[in-house]
Each structure stands twice: as C-alpha cells, then as structure tokens.
Amino acid sequence: MSSQQPTDEPVYDDRVYRSSMGVVSGVLLLALTAWLCGDAVVRGSGNTPWIALAAALCAVPLIVAFTIRPAVFANDDRMRVRNPFRIIELPWAAVDVVRSGYSAEVLAEGSKYQLWSVPVSLRERKKANRQRLRLRHEGLRDREDRSAGGKVRAPAEPMRASADRIVDELQRLAERGAERPGAQGSVRVHWSYEIIAPAVAGALLLIILIATR
C-alpha cells in the first residue's frame, strides 16, 4: 500500500480576465469575413475564389489573435498571459510588479509584458478620478456636519476603472503567492505557431495569387 502525501498547498481554479468587447468585436469581424469571402467564393470567377480563400486564411487567425484569443489566467501560484502571438507563464515569485499606465503590463525578470486582454480606458479612469474627488469633498462636508452635530451619510464606495481594479487584484495575488513553493521558477515564453503559421501562409498565398493574375 503506497502512502502519498500532498507536496504543496491547494491551487484553486484560475481566475480568467478577458475583454468582453474584444470578444464581441471578434465574433462580428469573423461573421463579416465569412460573409464577404463566402460570397466571393460562390459568385467569383477566375482566381477570385482562391484569392478570397487566401484572404480568409490570413485574416481569420489575425482576427482571433487580436480579439478573442487574449486572456489572462491567474491562480495562487502563477499568471499565464495569452497575448496575440505569445503565451507567457509567470510564477508569482518571478513577478516584480503588475501595473497600469496607458496599458496594463507586468514586469518580471527585467522584461515587460503587456496584458492585451486588460485594455486601459483613460475615459473610464478620468470618470473614476472625478468621482473620488467628489466623494472626498462630500467626506469633508460630512466631517463638518459631524462636528456641528448634524446627520452624517454612510460613505459611498469609490469607483475604480476596470483595468486598474484588475491590475490591483493581480498585484495582490502576486504579493500573496510569491512565497508559495509552487510559485517559484522563471518566466517561460511560448510562441503561438498555430496562429502565426496560417496567417503567414495565407499572406504568402494571397501575394502569389495577386501577382499572377
């Protein structure tokens, strides 16, 4: 009878962060591509159907890469960033900081990686900053009312831009998980050839077909 003991703390299901607007845009673009290319294949003559198929072979992987594919998966041990053409695996111990400026990004082992699935909206951030300023002014008035014996309202929860909120959550996961045994290791980067290869093949085929018309 073999006795097996757990070698690490439990790891819970990944938290997944992706842009819902990106997914919707990707589905619409794929539908438009299918309609245009399908119509060219059915009704076109000469090289037109082949050109349409080559264009679809090039366009579909790129649409998927930049809209539907990007995602960030995070658990107690590591973060996996799925960008258009790469997958970056970052154990929390290797992460220096997760931050958001004009874009969301993670710094690890001297390199910087963008989080494509966490788009930063400057408009949303400005709106959140205006709300925080308003709440600060209301807090000052409430303290004046309290000192005057007046009725004080319950403080409202300050608004945060969605990208900033996600980045803060990832940074907390990084700080909390950095010491876990399962969070040790170095950054690993994998190229997504399943996206790159068909896009390049479609582009080359499209160039050849157009050049030989």
Protein backbone atom coordinates (compact mmCIF):
# COMPACT_ATOMS: atom_id res chain seq x y z
CA MET A 1 0.00 0.00 0.00
CA SER A 2 1.56 3.29 -1.10
CA SER A 3 1.21 6.38 1.02
CA GLN A 4 1.10 9.65 -0.88
CA GLN A 5 1.28 12.99 0.82
CA PRO A 6 0.49 16.34 -0.74
CA THR A 7 3.64 18.22 -1.69
CA ASP A 8 2.12 21.67 -1.96
CA GLU A 9 -0.78 23.81 -0.88
CA PRO A 10 -4.02 23.51 -2.86
CA VAL A 11 -4.26 25.54 -6.06
CA TYR A 12 -7.72 26.80 -6.92
CA ASP A 13 -9.28 27.29 -10.32
CA ASP A 14 -7.83 30.01 -12.50
CA ARG A 15 -9.36 33.45 -12.50
CA VAL A 16 -9.84 34.49 -16.10
CA TYR A 17 -9.60 38.09 -17.30
CA ARG A 18 -10.57 38.95 -20.86
CA SER A 19 -12.18 41.84 -22.74
CA SER A 20 -15.85 41.19 -23.44
CA MET A 21 -15.87 43.97 -26.03
CA GLY A 22 -12.89 42.35 -27.75
CA VAL A 23 -14.71 39.02 -27.95
CA VAL A 24 -17.86 40.64 -29.35
CA SER A 25 -15.83 42.59 -31.91
CA GLY A 26 -14.01 39.43 -32.94
CA VAL A 27 -17.22 37.48 -33.47
CA LEU A 28 -18.66 40.29 -35.60
CA LEU A 29 -15.46 40.57 -37.67
CA LEU A 30 -15.38 36.80 -38.22
CA ALA A 31 -19.00 36.87 -39.36
CA LEU A 32 -18.25 39.73 -41.76
CA THR A 33 -15.18 37.91 -43.12
CA ALA A 34 -17.17 34.71 -43.63
CA TRP A 35 -19.90 36.61 -45.47
CA LEU A 36 -17.55 38.56 -47.77
CA CYS A 37 -15.22 35.67 -48.54
CA GLY A 38 -18.06 33.19 -48.87
CA ASP A 39 -19.82 35.44 -51.35
CA ALA A 40 -16.59 35.81 -53.37
CA VAL A 41 -16.09 32.03 -53.42
CA VAL A 42 -19.67 31.33 -54.55
CA ARG A 43 -20.06 34.13 -57.08
CA GLY A 44 -16.50 34.91 -58.12
CA SER A 45 -14.81 33.79 -61.30
CA GLY A 46 -11.24 33.07 -62.30
CA ASN A 47 -8.80 33.45 -59.40
CA THR A 48 -11.29 35.40 -57.27
CA PRO A 49 -12.48 32.39 -55.17
CA TRP A 50 -8.86 31.39 -54.46
CA ILE A 51 -7.95 34.96 -53.55
CA ALA A 52 -10.93 35.07 -51.18
CA LEU A 53 -9.87 31.79 -49.54
CA ALA A 54 -6.28 33.03 -49.16
CA ALA A 55 -7.53 36.30 -47.65
CA ALA A 56 -9.68 34.36 -45.20
CA LEU A 57 -6.75 32.09 -44.29
CA CYS A 58 -4.70 35.19 -43.48
CA ALA A 59 -7.42 37.29 -41.84
CA VAL A 60 -9.18 34.75 -39.60
CA PRO A 61 -6.13 33.87 -37.43
CA LEU A 62 -5.28 37.57 -37.06
CA ILE A 63 -8.84 38.47 -36.05
CA VAL A 64 -8.86 35.65 -33.50
CA ALA A 65 -5.39 36.62 -32.25
CA PHE A 66 -6.22 40.26 -31.54
CA THR A 67 -9.83 39.95 -30.32
CA ILE A 68 -10.94 36.54 -29.00
CA ARG A 69 -7.62 34.96 -28.01
CA PRO A 70 -6.13 37.46 -25.48
CA ALA A 71 -6.74 36.42 -21.88
CA VAL A 72 -5.03 36.36 -18.50
CA PHE A 73 -5.31 33.28 -16.28
CA ALA A 74 -4.25 33.64 -12.67
CA ASN A 75 -4.24 31.30 -9.68
CA ASP A 76 -2.41 31.15 -6.37
CA ASP A 77 0.88 30.07 -7.96
CA ARG A 78 1.24 31.83 -11.30
CA MET A 79 -0.17 34.02 -14.02
CA ARG A 80 -0.47 32.89 -17.63
CA VAL A 81 -0.76 35.71 -20.16
CA ARG A 82 -2.18 34.74 -23.55
CA ASN A 83 -1.35 37.53 -25.98
CA PRO A 84 -1.95 37.53 -29.77
CA PHE A 85 1.24 35.65 -30.72
CA ARG A 86 2.75 34.51 -27.41
CA ILE A 87 1.88 32.76 -24.17
CA ILE A 88 3.85 33.97 -21.15
CA GLU A 89 3.89 31.90 -17.96
CA LEU A 90 4.93 33.91 -14.92
CA PRO A 91 5.30 32.27 -11.50
CA TRP A 92 4.46 34.85 -8.85
CA ALA A 93 7.99 34.70 -7.41
CA ALA A 94 9.33 35.98 -10.76
CA VAL A 95 6.91 38.92 -10.96
CA ASP A 96 8.28 42.30 -9.91
CA VAL A 97 5.12 44.36 -10.31
CA VAL A 98 1.80 44.44 -12.16
CA ARG A 99 0.86 47.99 -13.12
CA SER A 100 -1.38 50.03 -15.38
CA GLY A 101 -0.47 53.29 -17.10
CA TYR A 102 -1.51 53.80 -20.68
CA SER A 103 -1.63 49.99 -20.86
CA ALA A 104 -1.74 47.12 -18.37
CA GLU A 105 1.60 45.37 -18.05
CA VAL A 106 3.64 43.05 -15.86
CA LEU A 107 7.36 43.44 -15.13
CA ALA A 108 9.29 40.25 -14.47
CA GLU A 109 12.99 39.41 -14.56
CA GLY A 110 13.87 42.67 -16.26
CA SER A 111 11.32 42.28 -19.08
CA LYS A 112 7.96 43.94 -19.65
CA TYR A 113 4.90 42.09 -20.97
CA GLN A 114 1.65 43.76 -21.95
CA LEU A 115 -1.71 42.36 -20.88
CA TRP A 116 -3.69 42.59 -24.13
CA SER A 117 -6.88 41.31 -22.50
CA VAL A 118 -6.96 44.16 -19.94
CA PRO A 119 -7.49 47.30 -22.04
CA VAL A 120 -6.99 50.61 -20.25
CA SER A 121 -9.73 53.20 -20.76
CA LEU A 122 -8.46 56.70 -19.99
CA ARG A 123 -12.03 57.97 -20.17
CA GLU A 124 -13.18 55.48 -17.52
CA ARG A 125 -10.18 56.37 -15.35
CA LYS A 126 -10.94 60.10 -15.56
CA LYS A 127 -14.55 59.39 -14.61
CA ALA A 128 -13.39 57.36 -11.60
CA ASN A 129 -10.99 60.13 -10.56
CA ARG A 130 -13.80 62.72 -10.74
CA GLN A 131 -15.99 60.52 -8.56
CA ARG A 132 -13.21 60.09 -5.99
CA LEU A 133 -12.72 63.86 -5.84
CA ARG A 134 -16.46 64.34 -5.36
CA LEU A 135 -16.53 61.75 -2.57
CA ARG A 136 -13.56 63.46 -0.94
CA HIS A 137 -15.40 66.78 -0.92
CA GLU A 138 -18.50 65.06 0.45
CA GLY A 139 -16.36 63.50 3.17
CA LEU A 140 -15.10 66.94 4.17
CA ARG A 141 -18.68 68.21 4.39
CA ASP A 142 -19.69 65.16 6.45
CA ARG A 143 -16.90 65.86 8.94
CA GLU A 144 -18.12 69.43 9.21
CA ASP A 145 -21.69 68.18 9.77
CA ARG A 146 -20.44 65.74 12.40
CA SER A 147 -18.64 68.49 14.25
CA ALA A 148 -21.83 70.56 14.06
CA GLY A 149 -23.96 67.67 15.33
CA GLY A 150 -25.73 67.11 12.01
CA LYS A 151 -26.72 63.84 10.31
CA VAL A 152 -23.87 62.03 8.56
CA ARG A 153 -24.40 59.85 5.47
CA ALA A 154 -22.79 56.43 5.04
CA PRO A 155 -19.63 56.71 2.90
CA ALA A 156 -20.01 55.54 -0.71
CA GLU A 157 -17.67 53.03 -2.29
CA PRO A 158 -15.19 54.89 -4.56
CA MET A 159 -15.31 53.96 -8.22
CA ARG A 160 -12.31 52.27 -9.88
CA ALA A 161 -11.59 51.86 -13.57
CA SER A 162 -11.95 48.18 -14.50
CA ALA A 163 -8.35 47.86 -15.75
CA ASP A 164 -6.97 49.42 -12.55
CA ARG A 165 -9.16 47.14 -10.44
CA ILE A 166 -7.93 44.02 -12.28
CA VAL A 167 -4.29 45.14 -12.04
CA ASP A 168 -4.67 45.74 -8.29
CA GLU A 169 -6.15 42.26 -7.88
CA LEU A 170 -3.29 40.66 -9.85
CA GLN A 171 -0.73 42.60 -7.81
CA ARG A 172 -2.32 41.34 -4.58
CA LEU A 173 -2.18 37.76 -5.90
CA ALA A 174 1.49 38.26 -6.78
CA GLU A 175 2.37 39.58 -3.32
CA ARG A 176 0.38 36.88 -1.54
CA GLY A 177 1.67 33.99 -3.65
CA ALA A 178 5.34 34.91 -4.08
CA GLU A 179 6.45 32.72 -1.16
CA ARG A 180 4.44 29.63 -2.10
CA PRO A 181 6.54 26.59 -3.10
CA GLY A 182 4.51 26.20 -6.29
CA ALA A 183 5.08 29.85 -7.26
CA GLN A 184 8.83 29.51 -7.72
CA GLY A 185 10.56 29.37 -11.09
CA SER A 186 11.39 31.59 -14.03
CA VAL A 187 9.35 33.18 -16.81
CA ARG A 188 8.61 30.98 -19.82
CA VAL A 189 7.56 32.33 -23.21
CA HIS A 190 5.98 30.21 -25.95
CA TRP A 191 5.30 31.41 -29.49
CA SER A 192 1.82 30.56 -30.81
CA TYR A 193 2.68 28.97 -34.15
CA GLU A 194 -0.91 27.78 -34.57
CA ILE A 195 -1.76 31.46 -35.12
CA ILE A 196 1.40 32.60 -36.88
CA ALA A 197 1.72 29.76 -39.42
CA PRO A 198 -1.72 30.01 -41.12
CA ALA A 199 -1.60 33.82 -41.15
CA VAL A 200 1.82 33.81 -42.86
CA ALA A 201 0.76 31.05 -45.28
CA GLY A 202 -2.40 32.95 -46.20
CA ALA A 203 -0.46 36.19 -46.73
CA LEU A 204 2.11 34.48 -48.99
CA LEU A 205 -0.59 32.70 -50.98
CA LEU A 206 -2.50 35.97 -51.35
CA ILE A 207 0.60 37.77 -52.65
CA ILE A 208 1.29 34.98 -55.16
CA LEU A 209 -2.30 34.90 -56.44
CA ILE A 210 -2.49 38.68 -56.85
CA ALA A 211 0.92 38.81 -58.56
CA THR A 212 -0.05 36.09 -61.09
CA ARG A 213 -3.49 37.43 -62.01
